[in-house]
Amino acid sequence: MEQLIRNYTEMDWEDVAGYPDGTKIKVLREHDGKKTFVLQLPAGFHMEEHSHVCNEQHLVMKGNYTVGDMMYEEGAYCFIPSHTNHGPFRSEDGAEILVIWDSPAD
């Protein structure tokens, strides 16, 4: 695989299917079922509890969001193993989150 360098500040936000209205995405990398992206959650964001077939990582870059009763603020990191229910998610004021989906074996 070749080296990949992107400046996400120079990329355009795109609407993201399957997420609440107003949620935007910048896909940094997508390869072999793995994906790295930045999500922009709008103020008032809400998403129900769900799970994934892959491990998921979050890093809050701006703002904050709440999972259940726990608030994740700027700089917070969260690792969610595959097949683990997580959520519901809420963000009163909005947030930008780096999300990494990797394989369950990683």
Foldseek 3Di string as FASTA:
>chain_A
DDDADDDQVPDDWDDDPPFDPPKTKDWRDDDPNKTKIKIKAAAFGWDAKDFAQFKKKKAWCAAWKDKPHDIDHHGDMDIGAHPDITGGMTGRHITIMIMITDHNVD
